[in-house]
Amino acid sequence: MAVNRVRSTGVEVAGRSYRVRSDEPAEVVRAVAREVDALIEELRRREPRLSLQDALVLAALNLALSRRSASSPPDPYPPGSPTAD
């Protein structure tokens, strides 16, 4: 039986350094951190007056929503499609 080993990986998000403890490989943790950082940068680029705190919350909400929709089964009857009545 394989044992997952928790590691601490250094990352930078929104100009701040963090240590993330995860059983994922360091490369995966760094890639996720880059994705989060890019999302925050994009939000602030689109809305320059957006505070960092607001950008962080919006990024978290966007990621949670995309994760939720990715794990949900597809709607068999999306809006506008004919239904079997």
C-alpha atoms as a PDB file:
ATOM      1  CA  MET A   1       0.000   0.000   0.000  1.00  0.00           C
ATOM      2  CA  ALA A   2       1.421   3.388  -1.025  1.00  0.00           C
ATOM      3  CA  VAL A   3       1.756   6.043   1.659  1.00  0.00           C
ATOM      4  CA  ASN A   4       1.118   9.644   0.654  1.00  0.00           C
ATOM      5  CA  ARG A   5       3.914  11.839   1.903  1.00  0.00           C
ATOM      6  CA  VAL A   6       3.040  15.410   2.882  1.00  0.00           C
ATOM      7  CA  ARG A   7       5.584  17.958   1.679  1.00  0.00           C
ATOM      8  CA  SER A   8       5.956  21.678   2.175  1.00  0.00           C
ATOM      9  CA  THR A   9       6.334  23.664  -1.056  1.00  0.00           C
ATOM     10  CA  GLY A  10       7.113  27.370  -1.315  1.00  0.00           C
ATOM     11  CA  VAL A  11       4.902  29.402  -3.648  1.00  0.00           C
ATOM     12  CA  GLU A  12       4.160  33.047  -4.343  1.00  0.00           C
ATOM     13  CA  VAL A  13       0.658  34.381  -4.923  1.00  0.00           C
ATOM     14  CA  ALA A  14      -0.263  38.064  -5.286  1.00  0.00           C
ATOM     15  CA  GLY A  15       3.243  39.109  -4.290  1.00  0.00           C
ATOM     16  CA  ARG A  16       3.261  37.131  -1.032  1.00  0.00           C
ATOM     17  CA  SER A  17       5.184  33.992  -0.192  1.00  0.00           C
ATOM     18  CA  TYR A  18       3.423  30.953   1.247  1.00  0.00           C
ATOM     19  CA  ARG A  19       4.366  27.435   2.315  1.00  0.00           C
ATOM     20  CA  VAL A  20       1.769  24.894   1.177  1.00  0.00           C
ATOM     21  CA  ARG A  21       1.626  21.480   2.823  1.00  0.00           C
ATOM     22  CA  SER A  22       0.286  18.880   0.411  1.00  0.00           C
ATOM     23  CA  ASP A  23       0.746  15.300  -0.656  1.00  0.00           C
ATOM     24  CA  GLU A  24       0.722  16.506  -4.270  1.00  0.00           C
ATOM     25  CA  PRO A  25       4.088  16.810  -6.047  1.00  0.00           C
ATOM     26  CA  ALA A  26       5.759  20.217  -5.697  1.00  0.00           C
ATOM     27  CA  GLU A  27       5.358  20.838  -9.450  1.00  0.00           C
ATOM     28  CA  VAL A  28       1.579  20.467  -9.135  1.00  0.00           C
ATOM     29  CA  VAL A  29       1.396  22.813  -6.141  1.00  0.00           C
ATOM     30  CA  ARG A  30       3.479  25.424  -7.979  1.00  0.00           C
ATOM     31  CA  ALA A  31       1.335  25.105 -11.129  1.00  0.00           C
ATOM     32  CA  VAL A  32      -1.846  25.630  -9.113  1.00  0.00           C
ATOM     33  CA  ALA A  33      -0.292  28.650  -7.372  1.00  0.00           C
ATOM     34  CA  ARG A  34       0.619  30.135 -10.782  1.00  0.00           C
ATOM     35  CA  GLU A  35      -2.957  29.580 -11.970  1.00  0.00           C
ATOM     36  CA  VAL A  36      -4.382  31.335  -8.899  1.00  0.00           C
ATOM     37  CA  ASP A  37      -1.868  34.177  -9.247  1.00  0.00           C
ATOM     38  CA  ALA A  38      -2.742  34.632 -12.928  1.00  0.00           C
ATOM     39  CA  LEU A  39      -6.455  34.747 -12.113  1.00  0.00           C
ATOM     40  CA  ILE A  40      -5.894  37.426  -9.472  1.00  0.00           C
ATOM     41  CA  GLU A  41      -3.744  39.452 -11.885  1.00  0.00           C
ATOM     42  CA  GLU A  42      -6.419  39.168 -14.598  1.00  0.00           C
ATOM     43  CA  LEU A  43      -9.156  40.317 -12.217  1.00  0.00           C
ATOM     44  CA  ARG A  44      -7.093  43.325 -11.148  1.00  0.00           C
ATOM     45  CA  ARG A  45      -6.153  44.128 -14.761  1.00  0.00           C
ATOM     46  CA  ARG A  46      -9.821  44.179 -15.754  1.00  0.00           C
ATOM     47  CA  GLU A  47     -10.800  46.229 -12.692  1.00  0.00           C
ATOM     48  CA  PRO A  48      -7.813  48.359 -11.645  1.00  0.00           C
ATOM     49  CA  ARG A  49      -9.655  49.837  -8.648  1.00  0.00           C
ATOM     50  CA  LEU A  50     -10.394  46.376  -7.239  1.00  0.00           C
ATOM     51  CA  SER A  51      -8.700  45.887  -3.877  1.00  0.00           C
ATOM     52  CA  LEU A  52      -6.405  42.925  -3.388  1.00  0.00           C
ATOM     53  CA  GLN A  53      -8.792  41.477  -0.813  1.00  0.00           C
ATOM     54  CA  ASP A  54     -11.724  41.703  -3.230  1.00  0.00           C
ATOM     55  CA  ALA A  55      -9.630  40.128  -6.004  1.00  0.00           C
ATOM     56  CA  LEU A  56      -8.694  37.258  -3.672  1.00  0.00           C
ATOM     57  CA  VAL A  57     -12.327  36.613  -2.754  1.00  0.00           C
ATOM     58  CA  LEU A  58     -13.475  36.790  -6.382  1.00  0.00           C
ATOM     59  CA  ALA A  59     -10.684  34.434  -7.442  1.00  0.00           C
ATOM     60  CA  ALA A  60     -11.692  31.951  -4.736  1.00  0.00           C
ATOM     61  CA  LEU A  61     -15.338  32.136  -5.812  1.00  0.00           C
ATOM     62  CA  ASN A  62     -14.438  31.696  -9.496  1.00  0.00           C
ATOM     63  CA  LEU A  63     -12.273  28.667  -8.744  1.00  0.00           C
ATOM     64  CA  ALA A  64     -14.901  27.097  -6.479  1.00  0.00           C
ATOM     65  CA  LEU A  65     -17.607  27.600  -9.109  1.00  0.00           C
ATOM     66  CA  SER A  66     -15.460  26.127 -11.882  1.00  0.00           C
ATOM     67  CA  ARG A  67     -14.586  23.159  -9.660  1.00  0.00           C
ATOM     68  CA  ARG A  68     -18.247  22.631  -8.832  1.00  0.00           C
ATOM     69  CA  SER A  69     -19.371  22.774 -12.467  1.00  0.00           C
ATOM     70  CA  ALA A  70     -16.529  20.461 -13.530  1.00  0.00           C
ATOM     71  CA  SER A  71     -17.635  17.815 -11.033  1.00  0.00           C
ATOM     72  CA  SER A  72     -21.331  18.085 -11.850  1.00  0.00           C
ATOM     73  CA  PRO A  73     -22.813  15.823 -14.493  1.00  0.00           C
ATOM     74  CA  PRO A  74     -23.851  17.640 -17.662  1.00  0.00           C
ATOM     75  CA  ASP A  75     -27.432  18.851 -17.792  1.00  0.00           C
ATOM     76  CA  PRO A  76     -29.321  16.451 -20.081  1.00  0.00           C
ATOM     77  CA  TYR A  77     -31.713  19.263 -21.007  1.00  0.00           C
ATOM     78  CA  PRO A  78     -29.760  22.523 -21.228  1.00  0.00           C
ATOM     79  CA  PRO A  79     -31.786  25.721 -21.692  1.00  0.00           C
ATOM     80  CA  GLY A  80     -33.217  25.980 -25.188  1.00  0.00           C
ATOM     81  CA  SER A  81     -32.991  22.278 -25.983  1.00  0.00           C
ATOM     82  CA  PRO A  82     -36.073  20.240 -26.870  1.00  0.00           C
ATOM     83  CA  THR A  83     -37.292  18.055 -24.030  1.00  0.00           C
ATOM     84  CA  ALA A  84     -38.946  14.671 -24.179  1.00  0.00           C
ATOM     85  CA  ASP A  85     -42.413  15.339 -22.753  1.00  0.00           C
END
